[in-house]
């Protein structure tokens, strides 16, 4: 399933119209349907700000639940301890999370591509 389809599934599960979603993150009508591979960091940051219950790892990779459960969220007490001495938690934290998820997603795609290539080279394929 693609990022676009997972995003549509999330919106449907939350009863949010696609046009409403697009307006809330400041993109033009038709943006969701124009997503081909993934979502840019700038748009992802807007989604995180506006739809904090969406599981971003699920959105990008399909792994995990569609929405965050309480166990995935950092409580204010833990956040204070985790961010002590790191004033840039908001922007750098999410950028690093996004990069880590994109690396996982890229590795999954590379592995799948290698599987497809090896299947096409096998004697049975021929």
C-alpha atoms as a PDB file:
ATOM      1  CA  UNK A   1       0.000   0.000   0.000  1.00  0.00           C
ATOM      2  CA  UNK A   2       1.310   3.444  -0.875  1.00  0.00           C
ATOM      3  CA  UNK A   3       1.735   6.489   1.341  1.00  0.00           C
ATOM      4  CA  UNK A   4      -1.154   8.096  -0.530  1.00  0.00           C
ATOM      5  CA  UNK A   5      -3.451   5.137   0.190  1.00  0.00           C
ATOM      6  CA  UNK A   6      -2.421   5.011   3.852  1.00  0.00           C
ATOM      7  CA  UNK A   7      -3.088   8.742   4.169  1.00  0.00           C
ATOM      8  CA  UNK A   8      -6.536   8.255   2.635  1.00  0.00           C
ATOM      9  CA  UNK A   9      -7.175   5.358   5.043  1.00  0.00           C
ATOM     10  CA  UNK A  10      -6.220   7.562   7.987  1.00  0.00           C
ATOM     11  CA  UNK A  11      -8.497  10.375   6.821  1.00  0.00           C
ATOM     12  CA  UNK A  12     -11.365   7.937   6.323  1.00  0.00           C
ATOM     13  CA  UNK A  13     -10.827   6.380   9.770  1.00  0.00           C
ATOM     14  CA  UNK A  14     -10.902   9.843  11.357  1.00  0.00           C
ATOM     15  CA  UNK A  15     -13.856  10.985   9.216  1.00  0.00           C
ATOM     16  CA  UNK A  16     -11.845  13.865   7.737  1.00  0.00           C
ATOM     17  CA  UNK A  17     -12.601  14.979   4.197  1.00  0.00           C
ATOM     18  CA  UNK A  18      -9.591  15.087   1.882  1.00  0.00           C
ATOM     19  CA  UNK A  19     -10.314  18.746   1.040  1.00  0.00           C
ATOM     20  CA  UNK A  20     -10.446  19.608   4.754  1.00  0.00           C
ATOM     21  CA  UNK A  21      -7.116  17.869   5.318  1.00  0.00           C
ATOM     22  CA  UNK A  22      -5.503  19.639   2.353  1.00  0.00           C
ATOM     23  CA  UNK A  23      -6.721  23.023   3.567  1.00  0.00           C
ATOM     24  CA  UNK A  24      -5.497  22.355   7.123  1.00  0.00           C
ATOM     25  CA  UNK A  25      -1.914  21.798   5.973  1.00  0.00           C
ATOM     26  CA  UNK A  26      -1.989  24.623   3.423  1.00  0.00           C
ATOM     27  CA  UNK A  27      -1.803  22.661   0.192  1.00  0.00           C
ATOM     28  CA  UNK A  28      -3.919  22.955  -2.923  1.00  0.00           C
ATOM     29  CA  UNK A  29      -6.923  20.813  -3.730  1.00  0.00           C
ATOM     30  CA  UNK A  30      -5.755  17.595  -5.333  1.00  0.00           C
ATOM     31  CA  UNK A  31      -2.509  17.374  -3.344  1.00  0.00           C
ATOM     32  CA  UNK A  32      -3.386  14.042  -1.718  1.00  0.00           C
ATOM     33  CA  UNK A  33      -4.252  12.435  -5.041  1.00  0.00           C
ATOM     34  CA  UNK A  34      -1.034  13.771  -6.579  1.00  0.00           C
ATOM     35  CA  UNK A  35       1.236  12.060  -4.022  1.00  0.00           C
ATOM     36  CA  UNK A  36       3.316   9.566  -5.968  1.00  0.00           C
ATOM     37  CA  UNK A  37       5.991   8.114  -3.668  1.00  0.00           C
ATOM     38  CA  UNK A  38       6.289   9.931  -0.377  1.00  0.00           C
ATOM     39  CA  UNK A  39       5.630  13.208   1.374  1.00  0.00           C
ATOM     40  CA  UNK A  40       8.208  15.966   1.704  1.00  0.00           C
ATOM     41  CA  UNK A  41       9.586  16.940   5.086  1.00  0.00           C
ATOM     42  CA  UNK A  42       7.849  20.328   5.005  1.00  0.00           C
ATOM     43  CA  UNK A  43       4.440  18.696   4.491  1.00  0.00           C
ATOM     44  CA  UNK A  44       5.198  15.974   7.011  1.00  0.00           C
ATOM     45  CA  UNK A  45       5.959  18.596   9.665  1.00  0.00           C
ATOM     46  CA  UNK A  46       2.578  20.233   8.983  1.00  0.00           C
ATOM     47  CA  UNK A  47       0.838  16.866   9.254  1.00  0.00           C
ATOM     48  CA  UNK A  48       2.570  16.158  12.570  1.00  0.00           C
ATOM     49  CA  UNK A  49       1.521  19.583  13.902  1.00  0.00           C
ATOM     50  CA  UNK A  50      -2.100  19.231  12.815  1.00  0.00           C
ATOM     51  CA  UNK A  51      -2.699  15.482  13.222  1.00  0.00           C
ATOM     52  CA  UNK A  52      -0.715  14.500  16.280  1.00  0.00           C
ATOM     53  CA  UNK A  53      -2.515  11.184  16.712  1.00  0.00           C
ATOM     54  CA  UNK A  54      -1.354   9.894  13.299  1.00  0.00           C
ATOM     55  CA  UNK A  55       1.409   7.317  13.542  1.00  0.00           C
ATOM     56  CA  UNK A  56       3.986   8.731  11.126  1.00  0.00           C
ATOM     57  CA  UNK A  57       5.922   5.457  10.949  1.00  0.00           C
ATOM     58  CA  UNK A  58       2.701   3.762   9.825  1.00  0.00           C
ATOM     59  CA  UNK A  59       2.093   6.498   7.261  1.00  0.00           C
ATOM     60  CA  UNK A  60       5.550   6.125   5.705  1.00  0.00           C
ATOM     61  CA  UNK A  61       6.130   2.363   6.063  1.00  0.00           C
ATOM     62  CA  UNK A  62       2.814   0.716   6.893  1.00  0.00           C
ATOM     63  CA  UNK A  63       4.244  -0.652  10.146  1.00  0.00           C
ATOM     64  CA  UNK A  64       2.458  -0.243  13.455  1.00  0.00           C
ATOM     65  CA  UNK A  65      -1.007   1.051  14.223  1.00  0.00           C
ATOM     66  CA  UNK A  66      -2.701   3.735  12.126  1.00  0.00           C
ATOM     67  CA  UNK A  67      -2.959   6.067  15.134  1.00  0.00           C
ATOM     68  CA  UNK A  68      -0.674   6.492  18.093  1.00  0.00           C
ATOM     69  CA  UNK A  69      -1.677   4.829  21.293  1.00  0.00           C
ATOM     70  CA  UNK A  70      -0.834   6.307  24.664  1.00  0.00           C
ATOM     71  CA  UNK A  71       2.197   4.043  24.933  1.00  0.00           C
ATOM     72  CA  UNK A  72       3.764   5.747  21.886  1.00  0.00           C
ATOM     73  CA  UNK A  73       3.287   9.264  23.185  1.00  0.00           C
ATOM     74  CA  UNK A  74       5.830  10.974  25.414  1.00  0.00           C
ATOM     75  CA  UNK A  75       4.210  12.244  28.562  1.00  0.00           C
ATOM     76  CA  UNK A  76       5.007  15.846  29.557  1.00  0.00           C
ATOM     77  CA  UNK A  77       7.062  14.576  32.513  1.00  0.00           C
ATOM     78  CA  UNK A  78       9.141  12.233  30.364  1.00  0.00           C
ATOM     79  CA  UNK A  79       9.458  14.853  27.628  1.00  0.00           C
ATOM     80  CA  UNK A  80      10.972  17.322  30.098  1.00  0.00           C
ATOM     81  CA  UNK A  81      13.558  14.760  31.206  1.00  0.00           C
ATOM     82  CA  UNK A  82      14.258  13.588  27.663  1.00  0.00           C
ATOM     83  CA  UNK A  83      14.691  17.111  26.340  1.00  0.00           C
ATOM     84  CA  UNK A  84      16.630  18.606  29.224  1.00  0.00           C
ATOM     85  CA  UNK A  85      19.542  20.521  27.714  1.00  0.00           C
ATOM     86  CA  UNK A  86      18.088  20.133  24.211  1.00  0.00           C
ATOM     87  CA  UNK A  87      16.104  23.258  23.409  1.00  0.00           C
ATOM     88  CA  UNK A  88      15.686  22.250  19.764  1.00  0.00           C
ATOM     89  CA  UNK A  89      13.633  19.148  20.555  1.00  0.00           C
ATOM     90  CA  UNK A  90      10.683  20.235  18.426  1.00  0.00           C
ATOM     91  CA  UNK A  91      12.345  20.642  15.049  1.00  0.00           C
ATOM     92  CA  UNK A  92      15.446  18.449  15.264  1.00  0.00           C
ATOM     93  CA  UNK A  93      13.683  15.592  17.006  1.00  0.00           C
ATOM     94  CA  UNK A  94      11.028  15.259  14.303  1.00  0.00           C
ATOM     95  CA  UNK A  95      13.520  15.734  11.484  1.00  0.00           C
ATOM     96  CA  UNK A  96      15.670  12.942  12.932  1.00  0.00           C
ATOM     97  CA  UNK A  97      12.596  10.745  13.374  1.00  0.00           C
ATOM     98  CA  UNK A  98      11.607  11.405   9.781  1.00  0.00           C
ATOM     99  CA  UNK A  99      15.095  10.600   8.514  1.00  0.00           C
ATOM    100  CA  UNK A 100      15.218   7.370  10.519  1.00  0.00           C
ATOM    101  CA  UNK A 101      11.841   6.277   9.187  1.00  0.00           C
ATOM    102  CA  UNK A 102      12.822   7.187   5.626  1.00  0.00           C
ATOM    103  CA  UNK A 103      16.004   5.093   6.006  1.00  0.00           C
ATOM    104  CA  UNK A 104      13.924   2.118   7.167  1.00  0.00           C
ATOM    105  CA  UNK A 105      11.522   2.635   4.292  1.00  0.00           C
ATOM    106  CA  UNK A 106      14.382   2.889   1.772  1.00  0.00           C
ATOM    107  CA  UNK A 107      15.949  -0.309   3.122  1.00  0.00           C
ATOM    108  CA  UNK A 108      12.615  -2.114   2.798  1.00  0.00           C
ATOM    109  CA  UNK A 109      12.267  -0.925  -0.797  1.00  0.00           C
ATOM    110  CA  UNK A 110      15.840  -1.924  -1.632  1.00  0.00           C
ATOM    111  CA  UNK A 111      15.282  -5.410  -0.197  1.00  0.00           C
ATOM    112  CA  UNK A 112      12.049  -5.786  -2.146  1.00  0.00           C
ATOM    113  CA  UNK A 113      13.788  -4.650  -5.325  1.00  0.00           C
ATOM    114  CA  UNK A 114      16.578  -7.190  -4.805  1.00  0.00           C
ATOM    115  CA  UNK A 115      13.948  -9.916  -4.323  1.00  0.00           C
ATOM    116  CA  UNK A 116      12.216  -8.958  -7.563  1.00  0.00           C
ATOM    117  CA  UNK A 117      15.517  -8.825  -9.472  1.00  0.00           C
ATOM    118  CA  UNK A 118      16.607 -12.226  -8.150  1.00  0.00           C
ATOM    119  CA  UNK A 119      13.205 -13.726  -9.014  1.00  0.00           C
ATOM    120  CA  UNK A 120      13.509 -12.421 -12.575  1.00  0.00           C
ATOM    121  CA  UNK A 121      17.008 -13.910 -12.925  1.00  0.00           C
ATOM    122  CA  UNK A 122      16.029 -17.344 -11.566  1.00  0.00           C
ATOM    123  CA  UNK A 123      15.739 -20.228 -14.095  1.00  0.00           C
ATOM    124  CA  UNK A 124      12.036 -20.688 -13.238  1.00  0.00           C
ATOM    125  CA  UNK A 125      11.297 -17.125 -14.328  1.00  0.00           C
ATOM    126  CA  UNK A 126      12.642 -17.645 -17.760  1.00  0.00           C
END
